[in-house]
Amino acid sequence: MIVSPDEDTISAISTPIGIGAMGIVRVSGPRALAIGARVLGKNLSKLEAKKAFYGFVRNPETGNLIDEVVFLIYHAPNSYTGEDMLEIFTHGGLVAPREVLGVLLRNGARLAERGEFARRGFLNNKMDLVKAQGIIDVVDARSQKALFTSVYRLKGEASETVVSLKKKLEHILISLEATVDFPEEVDEEEKVVTDLYRVAKEMETLLKGMETSRRLRQGLKVVIIGKTNVGKSSLYNALLQEERAIVTPFPGTTRDVLESQLEYEGYPVLIYDTAGIRTSSDEIETISISRTRQAVKGADLVLLVIDGSIPLEEEDEEFFYDLKEKGGLVILNKIDLPEKIDRKIILSYGFPLMETSALKGWGIENILKKVVEMAFLSNIDLMLTDREANYLEEVLKHIRGAVENLNTLDIVGHHLREGVSQLRKILGEEPILNLTEEIFKNFCVGK
């Protein structure tokens, strides 16, 4: 259980443990500067805030020198946590940050729990939950686009979007109450409906980006499928621009699902190479085919690879069922060889057809471009979490409930107040049992 920020002083290493140029050790709480003064041998309360100082960390009990450091101090409330804070920049590696942390803990600090620095910032009104989620998103960003969208949260613009929606609902509620109090002077019903539809449209636009949000966070899952020896592994290697999968002329070479991530135009794409599906008595190959089926179930898009140098077979056509269910592209491979396939049959299924010679690297850029165009349809500014999307869905339900009951103003008022409450929960303005602890447990220890 994370304690109240007024109760004690916490400390943690804020940089990854390992070999590097420097480490950062944070201290926050009412005794941060006093503890820092003990181990640095300086009166920190008299030093200028947010200015770098040079010094040495020593063990106050023995006088032993621990590390040569640079440090910064922050006075409450002008810090990340809203409390007095100290940041000590140590040498990197495994030992120096650990030893500096150790001496701080022995002199009155407590080891911080996961996300405790950010949680204290939230409790001290330095950030709302939307901005806090932005910190997690920046740390976890898997691509340039995910990073840029996460920074949008950190700037506070995402919070402003939610706050704006909340204010609009509150304004509608005030107008409605004026209708109740002064029915002979105010005719607001038509305006209320117009305003509610406008707010609902804004929320629907945000929710349309939910699938894009998930793909930016987790990566777009693209599964390569097809019968044996059509060039799936060659395409996999060509997309990644490295030899990840073994390629041979023998059927059944790929025995497991291979996964790799690439970034294309700032978007994260997870590519899966799978075993060719065919009838086989080989137990290992049968297991591989089963794993292929599982990979297809979890796919966002599939790439159906067909060998253009041989006529289309019934075995090829069976894969169009997977393509219909998941969506994706037909990849006509081996176009460097004489073409023997009937394209009209492929086109009759109605799926986009792309050409490539995976072996020679032809057409790879076009395939990646088409995949991103199909998968990331909306250019979103607010990367929603499941939690936020659920609350927005609830707000939409209450808006619709208000519109359906315009003749009963008490019911309309109830729906609007509930809608405002859901938006307040997104921002963290209303207490939700265990929610904040669950969110901040997703942070690393030093955040």
Protein backbone atom coordinates (compact mmCIF):
# COMPACT_ATOMS: atom_id res chain seq x y z
CA MET A 1 0.00 0.00 0.00
CA ILE A 2 1.44 3.38 -1.00
CA VAL A 3 1.34 5.82 1.90
CA SER A 4 0.21 9.42 1.97
CA PRO A 5 2.84 11.75 0.47
CA ASP A 6 2.97 13.67 3.76
CA GLU A 7 4.11 10.70 5.83
CA ASP A 8 7.62 9.88 4.70
CA THR A 9 10.46 10.46 2.29
CA ILE A 10 11.08 8.05 -0.58
CA SER A 11 14.05 7.28 -2.78
CA ALA A 12 14.77 5.08 -5.82
CA ILE A 13 17.08 4.68 -8.79
CA SER A 14 15.33 6.24 -11.81
CA THR A 15 17.59 4.88 -14.55
CA PRO A 16 17.87 1.28 -15.78
CA ILE A 17 20.40 -0.85 -13.96
CA GLY A 18 23.32 -1.67 -16.24
CA ILE A 19 26.41 -0.29 -17.93
CA GLY A 20 26.00 3.36 -18.94
CA ALA A 21 27.43 6.85 -18.54
CA MET A 22 25.34 7.84 -15.52
CA GLY A 23 22.62 6.89 -13.10
CA ILE A 24 19.96 9.04 -11.45
CA VAL A 25 18.80 8.59 -7.86
CA ARG A 26 15.69 10.47 -6.77
CA VAL A 27 14.59 11.52 -3.28
CA SER A 28 11.20 13.08 -2.54
CA GLY A 29 9.36 14.03 0.63
CA PRO A 30 9.45 16.31 3.66
CA ARG A 31 12.97 15.20 4.67
CA ALA A 32 14.47 15.00 1.17
CA LEU A 33 16.76 18.01 1.60
CA ALA A 34 17.74 17.11 5.16
CA ILE A 35 18.73 13.59 4.13
CA GLY A 36 20.54 14.99 1.09
CA ALA A 37 22.43 17.44 3.29
CA ARG A 38 23.66 14.55 5.46
CA VAL A 39 25.09 12.48 2.62
CA LEU A 40 26.34 15.43 0.50
CA GLY A 41 27.74 17.47 3.38
CA LYS A 42 26.01 20.67 2.20
CA ASN A 43 23.14 22.81 3.47
CA LEU A 44 20.74 22.17 0.56
CA SER A 45 17.97 24.44 1.85
CA LYS A 46 20.11 27.48 1.03
CA LEU A 47 20.99 26.39 -2.50
CA GLU A 48 19.22 27.68 -5.59
CA ALA A 49 16.55 25.35 -6.93
CA LYS A 50 16.82 23.70 -10.36
CA LYS A 51 20.50 24.54 -10.67
CA ALA A 52 23.18 21.88 -11.03
CA PHE A 53 25.73 21.55 -8.20
CA TYR A 54 28.88 19.46 -7.94
CA GLY A 55 29.75 17.37 -4.92
CA PHE A 56 30.53 14.00 -3.30
CA VAL A 57 28.25 11.48 -1.66
CA ARG A 58 29.77 10.10 1.55
CA ASN A 59 28.68 7.69 4.23
CA PRO A 60 28.05 10.06 7.19
CA GLU A 61 28.84 7.33 9.71
CA THR A 62 32.24 6.33 8.34
CA GLY A 63 33.15 9.31 6.18
CA ASN A 64 33.90 6.93 3.30
CA LEU A 65 33.60 8.47 -0.17
CA ILE A 66 30.92 6.74 -2.27
CA ASP A 67 30.75 8.69 -5.54
CA GLU A 68 31.49 11.98 -7.27
CA VAL A 69 28.11 13.43 -8.34
CA VAL A 70 26.11 16.30 -9.76
CA PHE A 71 22.80 17.09 -8.05
CA LEU A 72 19.72 19.29 -8.38
CA ILE A 73 17.24 20.34 -5.72
CA TYR A 74 13.56 21.29 -6.09
CA HIS A 75 11.46 23.12 -3.53
CA ALA A 76 7.82 22.19 -3.03
CA PRO A 77 5.49 22.66 -4.80
CA ASN A 78 7.68 23.23 -7.88
CA SER A 79 8.75 19.65 -8.53
CA TYR A 80 7.58 16.51 -10.29
CA THR A 81 5.97 15.24 -7.09
CA GLY A 82 4.93 18.61 -5.67
CA GLU A 83 7.24 17.93 -2.69
CA ASP A 84 10.83 18.86 -1.86
CA MET A 85 12.96 16.76 -4.20
CA LEU A 86 16.59 15.88 -4.78
CA GLU A 87 18.03 14.30 -7.91
CA ILE A 88 21.55 12.92 -7.72
CA PHE A 89 23.40 12.12 -10.96
CA THR A 90 25.90 9.38 -10.20
CA HIS A 91 28.36 7.51 -12.37
CA GLY A 92 26.71 4.69 -14.28
CA GLY A 93 27.16 0.97 -13.95
CA LEU A 94 25.78 -1.48 -11.44
CA VAL A 95 27.44 -0.34 -8.22
CA ALA A 96 27.53 3.47 -7.95
CA PRO A 97 23.75 4.17 -8.16
CA ARG A 98 23.04 1.23 -5.83
CA GLU A 99 25.52 2.45 -3.20
CA VAL A 100 24.21 6.02 -3.33
CA LEU A 101 20.65 4.72 -2.91
CA GLY A 102 21.81 2.54 -0.02
CA VAL A 103 23.27 5.44 1.94
CA LEU A 104 20.10 7.50 1.39
CA LEU A 105 17.96 4.63 2.70
CA ARG A 106 20.19 4.21 5.76
CA ASN A 107 19.81 7.90 6.54
CA GLY A 108 16.04 8.16 6.65
CA ALA A 109 14.56 7.55 3.21
CA ARG A 110 12.31 4.62 2.32
CA LEU A 111 12.56 2.68 -0.95
CA ALA A 112 9.85 3.94 -3.29
CA GLU A 113 7.21 1.59 -4.64
CA ARG A 114 6.33 1.30 -8.32
CA GLY A 115 4.99 4.60 -9.62
CA GLU A 116 5.11 6.27 -6.22
CA PHE A 117 6.82 9.44 -7.45
CA ALA A 118 4.16 9.96 -10.12
CA ARG A 119 1.39 9.04 -7.69
CA ARG A 120 2.55 11.72 -5.28
CA GLY A 121 2.52 14.17 -8.19
CA PHE A 122 -1.08 13.18 -8.88
CA LEU A 123 -2.10 13.53 -5.22
CA ASN A 124 -0.43 16.95 -5.10
CA ASN A 125 -2.30 18.11 -8.25
CA LYS A 126 0.80 18.18 -10.44
CA MET A 127 -0.96 15.99 -12.99
CA ASP A 128 -4.28 14.30 -13.64
CA LEU A 129 -4.73 10.64 -14.60
CA VAL A 130 -4.73 11.44 -18.32
CA LYS A 131 -1.28 13.02 -18.02
CA ALA A 132 -0.08 10.22 -15.74
CA GLN A 133 -1.05 7.71 -18.41
CA GLY A 134 1.00 9.79 -20.83
CA ILE A 135 4.12 9.11 -18.74
CA ILE A 136 3.49 5.36 -19.03
CA ASP A 137 2.87 5.70 -22.76
CA VAL A 138 6.12 7.62 -23.34
CA VAL A 139 8.14 4.98 -21.49
CA ASP A 140 6.35 2.12 -23.28
CA ALA A 141 6.22 3.75 -26.74
CA ARG A 142 7.02 1.20 -29.46
CA SER A 143 7.32 3.66 -32.33
CA GLN A 144 7.76 7.29 -33.29
CA LYS A 145 4.00 7.83 -33.77
CA ALA A 146 3.22 6.31 -30.37
CA LEU A 147 5.86 8.55 -28.76
CA PHE A 148 4.55 11.74 -30.39
CA THR A 149 0.97 10.93 -29.37
CA SER A 150 2.10 10.21 -25.80
CA VAL A 151 3.95 13.53 -25.58
CA TYR A 152 0.64 15.15 -26.55
CA ARG A 153 -0.66 13.81 -23.22
CA LEU A 154 2.36 15.07 -21.30
CA LYS A 155 1.83 18.60 -22.62
CA GLY A 156 -1.62 18.50 -21.07
CA GLU A 157 -3.47 18.88 -24.37
CA ALA A 158 -5.19 15.51 -23.99
CA SER A 159 -6.42 16.54 -20.55
CA GLU A 160 -7.72 19.76 -22.06
CA THR A 161 -9.76 17.71 -24.55
CA VAL A 162 -11.47 15.81 -21.73
CA VAL A 163 -11.90 18.95 -19.61
CA SER A 164 -13.48 20.73 -22.58
CA LEU A 165 -16.01 17.92 -23.03
CA LYS A 166 -16.81 18.03 -19.31
CA LYS A 167 -17.34 21.80 -19.38
CA LYS A 168 -19.66 21.50 -22.37
CA LEU A 169 -21.84 18.98 -20.56
CA GLU A 170 -21.80 21.14 -17.43
CA HIS A 171 -22.89 24.16 -19.49
CA ILE A 172 -25.77 22.17 -21.00
CA LEU A 173 -26.78 21.11 -17.49
CA ILE A 174 -26.79 24.74 -16.32
CA SER A 175 -28.93 25.72 -19.31
CA LEU A 176 -31.32 22.89 -18.49
CA GLU A 177 -31.62 24.01 -14.86
CA ALA A 178 -32.41 27.53 -16.11
CA THR A 179 -35.25 26.01 -18.13
CA VAL A 180 -36.62 24.38 -14.97
CA ASP A 181 -36.30 27.52 -12.83
CA PHE A 182 -37.54 30.02 -15.42
CA PRO A 183 -39.69 28.11 -17.92
CA GLU A 184 -41.50 31.22 -19.12
CA GLU A 185 -38.26 33.09 -19.85
CA VAL A 186 -35.97 30.42 -21.29
CA ASP A 187 -36.59 28.18 -24.29
CA GLU A 188 -33.56 25.91 -24.36
CA GLU A 189 -34.87 22.53 -25.48
CA GLU A 190 -33.81 22.78 -29.13
CA LYS A 191 -30.40 24.20 -28.20
CA VAL A 192 -29.87 21.45 -25.61
CA VAL A 193 -30.47 18.77 -28.25
CA THR A 194 -28.09 20.47 -30.71
CA ASP A 195 -25.38 20.84 -28.07
CA LEU A 196 -25.77 17.22 -26.91
CA TYR A 197 -25.42 15.93 -30.45
CA ARG A 198 -22.32 18.05 -30.92
CA VAL A 199 -20.65 16.68 -27.75
CA ALA A 200 -21.67 13.12 -28.69
CA LYS A 201 -20.06 13.54 -32.12
CA GLU A 202 -16.78 14.66 -30.54
CA MET A 203 -16.77 11.59 -28.31
CA GLU A 204 -17.61 9.27 -31.18
CA THR A 205 -14.65 10.70 -33.09
CA LEU A 206 -12.37 9.96 -30.13
CA LEU A 207 -13.73 6.41 -29.83
CA LYS A 208 -13.21 5.75 -33.54
CA GLY A 209 -9.50 6.02 -32.85
CA MET A 210 -9.66 3.24 -30.22
CA GLU A 211 -8.43 0.53 -32.59
CA THR A 212 -5.63 2.79 -33.78
CA SER A 213 -4.77 3.48 -30.13
CA ARG A 214 -4.43 -0.23 -29.42
CA ARG A 215 -2.27 -0.79 -32.49
CA LEU A 216 0.00 2.12 -31.60
CA ARG A 217 0.44 0.74 -28.08
CA GLN A 218 0.79 -2.95 -28.87
CA GLY A 219 1.92 -2.94 -32.49
CA LEU A 220 -0.06 -3.90 -35.60
CA LYS A 221 -0.17 -7.72 -35.83
CA VAL A 222 0.40 -8.81 -39.43
CA VAL A 223 0.40 -12.57 -40.05
CA ILE A 224 1.84 -14.05 -43.25
CA ILE A 225 -0.11 -17.10 -44.44
CA GLY A 226 -0.14 -19.41 -47.47
CA LYS A 227 0.60 -22.93 -48.51
CA THR A 228 4.11 -24.39 -48.32
CA ASN A 229 6.91 -23.09 -50.54
CA VAL A 230 5.14 -19.97 -51.78
CA GLY A 231 7.82 -17.70 -50.27
CA LYS A 232 6.35 -16.72 -46.89
CA SER A 233 9.68 -16.82 -45.08
CA SER A 234 11.38 -14.97 -47.93
CA LEU A 235 8.75 -12.25 -47.66
CA TYR A 236 9.20 -12.17 -43.86
CA ASN A 237 12.95 -11.65 -44.28
CA ALA A 238 12.45 -9.03 -47.01
CA LEU A 239 10.03 -7.01 -44.87
CA LEU A 240 12.49 -7.05 -41.96
CA GLN A 241 15.51 -6.53 -44.23
CA GLU A 242 17.38 -9.26 -42.40
CA GLU A 243 17.67 -13.06 -42.55
CA ARG A 244 15.47 -14.01 -39.62
CA ALA A 245 13.69 -17.05 -41.05
CA ILE A 246 15.40 -20.08 -42.59
CA VAL A 247 14.60 -20.38 -46.29
CA THR A 248 15.01 -23.67 -48.18
CA PRO A 249 13.37 -25.22 -51.28
CA PHE A 250 11.92 -28.01 -49.09
CA PRO A 251 8.27 -27.91 -47.94
CA GLY A 252 7.65 -27.56 -44.18
CA THR A 253 10.87 -25.70 -43.36
CA THR A 254 9.09 -23.25 -41.02
CA ARG A 255 8.08 -25.22 -37.93
CA ASP A 256 7.03 -22.45 -35.56
CA VAL A 257 5.54 -18.96 -35.60
CA LEU A 258 8.31 -16.36 -35.82
CA GLU A 259 7.68 -12.81 -34.60
CA SER A 260 9.65 -9.62 -35.23
CA GLN A 261 8.87 -5.93 -34.96
CA LEU A 262 9.64 -3.24 -37.47
CA GLU A 263 8.77 0.44 -37.63
CA TYR A 264 7.46 1.90 -40.86
CA GLU A 265 6.84 5.65 -41.20
CA GLY A 266 6.66 5.85 -37.42
CA TYR A 267 4.13 3.02 -36.97
CA PRO A 268 4.89 -0.20 -35.03
CA VAL A 269 4.29 -3.37 -37.06
CA LEU A 270 4.63 -6.91 -35.70
CA ILE A 271 5.31 -9.40 -38.50
CA TYR A 272 4.56 -13.12 -37.99
CA ASP A 273 5.94 -15.83 -40.25
CA THR A 274 3.92 -19.04 -40.07
CA ALA A 275 4.12 -22.65 -41.15
CA GLY A 276 2.49 -23.49 -44.46
CA ILE A 277 -0.86 -25.19 -44.05
CA ARG A 278 -1.22 -28.57 -45.73
CA THR A 279 -2.24 -32.11 -44.90
CA SER A 280 0.65 -33.77 -43.07
CA SER A 281 1.27 -36.90 -41.01
CA ASP A 282 4.33 -35.28 -39.38
CA GLU A 283 3.42 -34.64 -35.73
CA ILE A 284 5.71 -31.61 -35.41
CA GLU A 285 4.38 -30.05 -38.60
CA THR A 286 0.81 -30.68 -37.41
CA ILE A 287 1.58 -28.73 -34.21
CA SER A 288 3.12 -25.95 -36.33
CA ILE A 289 -0.02 -25.71 -38.46
CA SER A 290 -2.14 -25.49 -35.30
CA ARG A 291 0.01 -22.56 -34.13
CA THR A 292 -0.47 -20.90 -37.50
CA ARG A 293 -4.23 -21.10 -36.97
CA GLN A 294 -3.85 -19.48 -33.54
CA ALA A 295 -1.70 -16.69 -34.97
CA VAL A 296 -4.34 -15.94 -37.61
CA LYS A 297 -7.01 -15.66 -34.90
CA GLY A 298 -4.97 -12.94 -33.15
CA ALA A 299 -4.07 -11.06 -36.33
CA ASP A 300 -5.09 -7.52 -37.23
CA LEU A 301 -4.28 -8.13 -40.89
CA VAL A 302 -3.15 -11.13 -42.92
CA LEU A 303 -0.89 -11.28 -45.94
CA LEU A 304 -1.89 -14.20 -48.16
CA VAL A 305 1.16 -15.19 -50.22
CA ILE A 306 0.53 -16.90 -53.56
CA ASP A 307 3.18 -18.21 -55.93
CA GLY A 308 2.61 -16.49 -59.27
CA SER A 309 4.92 -18.88 -61.15
CA ILE A 310 2.46 -21.79 -60.90
CA PRO A 311 -1.30 -22.04 -61.57
CA LEU A 312 -3.66 -21.24 -58.69
CA GLU A 313 -4.66 -24.35 -56.76
CA GLU A 314 -7.66 -25.18 -54.61
CA GLU A 315 -5.32 -25.22 -51.62
CA ASP A 316 -4.52 -21.53 -52.29
CA GLU A 317 -8.18 -20.57 -52.51
CA GLU A 318 -8.98 -22.02 -49.07
CA PHE A 319 -6.93 -19.22 -47.52
CA PHE A 320 -9.33 -16.58 -48.81
CA TYR A 321 -11.65 -17.47 -45.92
CA ASP A 322 -8.99 -16.24 -43.47
CA LEU A 323 -8.53 -13.12 -45.56
CA LYS A 324 -12.26 -12.44 -45.55
CA GLU A 325 -12.46 -12.78 -41.78
CA LYS A 326 -9.42 -10.65 -40.86
CA GLY A 327 -8.87 -8.40 -43.85
CA GLY A 328 -5.55 -7.89 -45.55
CA LEU A 329 -3.74 -8.28 -48.85
CA VAL A 330 -3.06 -10.92 -51.46
CA ILE A 331 0.68 -10.95 -52.17
CA LEU A 332 1.57 -12.32 -55.60
CA ASN A 333 5.13 -13.54 -55.10
CA LYS A 334 7.90 -14.68 -57.50
CA ILE A 335 7.06 -12.12 -60.19
CA ASP A 336 10.69 -12.41 -61.33
CA LEU A 337 9.66 -15.77 -62.82
CA PRO A 338 7.36 -16.38 -65.83
CA GLU A 339 3.78 -15.86 -64.65
CA LYS A 340 1.46 -18.87 -64.87
CA ILE A 341 -1.36 -17.81 -62.57
CA ASP A 342 -4.78 -16.51 -63.61
CA ARG A 343 -5.06 -13.10 -61.96
CA LYS A 344 -8.77 -12.82 -62.78
CA ILE A 345 -9.55 -15.57 -60.29
CA ILE A 346 -7.60 -13.79 -57.53
CA LEU A 347 -9.18 -10.41 -58.28
CA SER A 348 -12.66 -11.96 -58.27
CA TYR A 349 -12.37 -12.35 -54.49
CA GLY A 350 -12.22 -8.56 -54.15
CA PHE A 351 -9.04 -8.17 -52.09
CA PRO A 352 -6.18 -5.74 -52.86
CA LEU A 353 -3.45 -7.46 -54.88
CA MET A 354 0.21 -6.53 -54.46
CA GLU A 355 3.17 -7.87 -56.44
CA THR A 356 6.59 -8.81 -55.14
CA SER A 357 9.68 -10.84 -55.66
CA ALA A 358 10.58 -11.44 -52.04
CA LEU A 359 13.83 -13.06 -53.12
CA LYS A 360 14.93 -9.93 -55.00
CA GLY A 361 13.24 -7.42 -52.69
CA TRP A 362 10.88 -6.04 -55.34
CA GLY A 363 7.67 -4.34 -54.19
CA ILE A 364 8.41 -4.57 -50.45
CA GLU A 365 8.09 -0.82 -49.83
CA ASN A 366 4.68 -0.79 -51.55
CA ILE A 367 3.43 -3.65 -49.36
CA LEU A 368 4.45 -1.91 -46.14
CA LYS A 369 2.90 1.35 -47.28
CA LYS A 370 -0.39 -0.37 -48.12
CA VAL A 371 -0.46 -2.23 -44.79
CA VAL A 372 -0.05 1.00 -42.82
CA GLU A 373 -2.67 2.79 -44.93
CA MET A 374 -5.19 0.00 -44.27
CA ALA A 375 -4.48 -0.40 -40.56
CA PHE A 376 -4.03 3.16 -39.33
CA LEU A 377 -7.05 4.85 -40.87
CA SER A 378 -7.43 7.58 -38.27
CA ASN A 379 -4.75 10.08 -37.32
CA ILE A 380 -5.45 10.37 -33.59
CA ASP A 381 -4.31 12.98 -31.09
CA LEU A 382 -5.53 11.15 -27.98
CA MET A 383 -4.36 7.54 -27.63
CA LEU A 384 -7.16 6.08 -25.51
CA THR A 385 -6.74 3.36 -22.91
CA ASP A 386 -9.45 0.73 -22.43
CA ARG A 387 -10.37 2.44 -19.15
CA GLU A 388 -10.86 5.82 -20.82
CA ALA A 389 -12.79 4.33 -23.73
CA ASN A 390 -15.16 2.56 -21.32
CA TYR A 391 -15.91 5.82 -19.54
CA LEU A 392 -16.50 7.64 -22.83
CA GLU A 393 -18.90 4.87 -23.88
CA GLU A 394 -20.79 5.43 -20.63
CA VAL A 395 -20.95 9.17 -21.30
CA LEU A 396 -22.40 8.48 -24.75
CA LYS A 397 -25.06 6.23 -23.22
CA HIS A 398 -26.08 9.01 -20.83
CA ILE A 399 -26.20 11.59 -23.63
CA ARG A 400 -28.49 9.31 -25.63
CA GLY A 401 -30.56 8.73 -22.51
CA ALA A 402 -30.90 12.49 -22.07
CA VAL A 403 -32.05 13.01 -25.68
CA GLU A 404 -34.61 10.20 -25.38
CA ASN A 405 -36.16 11.75 -22.24
CA LEU A 406 -36.28 15.43 -23.12
CA ASN A 407 -39.86 15.66 -21.92
CA THR A 408 -38.77 14.64 -18.41
CA LEU A 409 -36.22 17.20 -17.32
CA ASP A 410 -35.34 15.43 -14.07
CA ILE A 411 -34.24 12.35 -16.02
CA VAL A 412 -32.27 14.49 -18.47
CA GLY A 413 -30.51 16.17 -15.56
CA HIS A 414 -29.67 12.78 -14.04
CA HIS A 415 -28.10 11.58 -17.30
CA LEU A 416 -26.05 14.75 -17.70
CA ARG A 417 -24.76 14.63 -14.13
CA GLU A 418 -23.76 10.99 -14.63
CA GLY A 419 -22.02 11.92 -17.89
CA VAL A 420 -20.03 14.64 -16.12
CA SER A 421 -19.15 12.13 -13.39
CA GLN A 422 -17.70 9.68 -15.95
CA LEU A 423 -15.51 12.41 -17.45
CA ARG A 424 -14.32 13.37 -13.97
CA LYS A 425 -13.30 9.75 -13.42
CA ILE A 426 -11.14 9.85 -16.57
CA LEU A 427 -9.28 12.83 -15.10
CA GLY A 428 -9.10 11.29 -11.63
CA GLU A 429 -11.22 14.06 -10.10
CA GLU A 430 -13.53 11.51 -8.49
CA PRO A 431 -12.14 8.75 -6.25
CA ILE A 432 -12.40 5.26 -7.74
CA LEU A 433 -11.62 2.30 -5.48
CA ASN A 434 -8.10 0.92 -6.15
CA LEU A 435 -7.94 2.62 -9.58
CA THR A 436 -5.06 5.00 -8.94
CA GLU A 437 -2.96 2.29 -7.31
CA GLU A 438 -3.55 -0.01 -10.29
CA ILE A 439 -2.54 2.72 -12.74
CA PHE A 440 0.63 3.71 -10.90
CA LYS A 441 1.70 0.10 -10.44
CA ASN A 442 2.34 0.12 -14.20
CA PHE A 443 5.19 2.60 -13.68
CA CYS A 444 8.77 1.61 -13.01
CA VAL A 445 10.10 2.12 -9.48
CA GLY A 446 11.89 5.43 -10.10
CA LYS A 447 8.92 7.15 -11.78
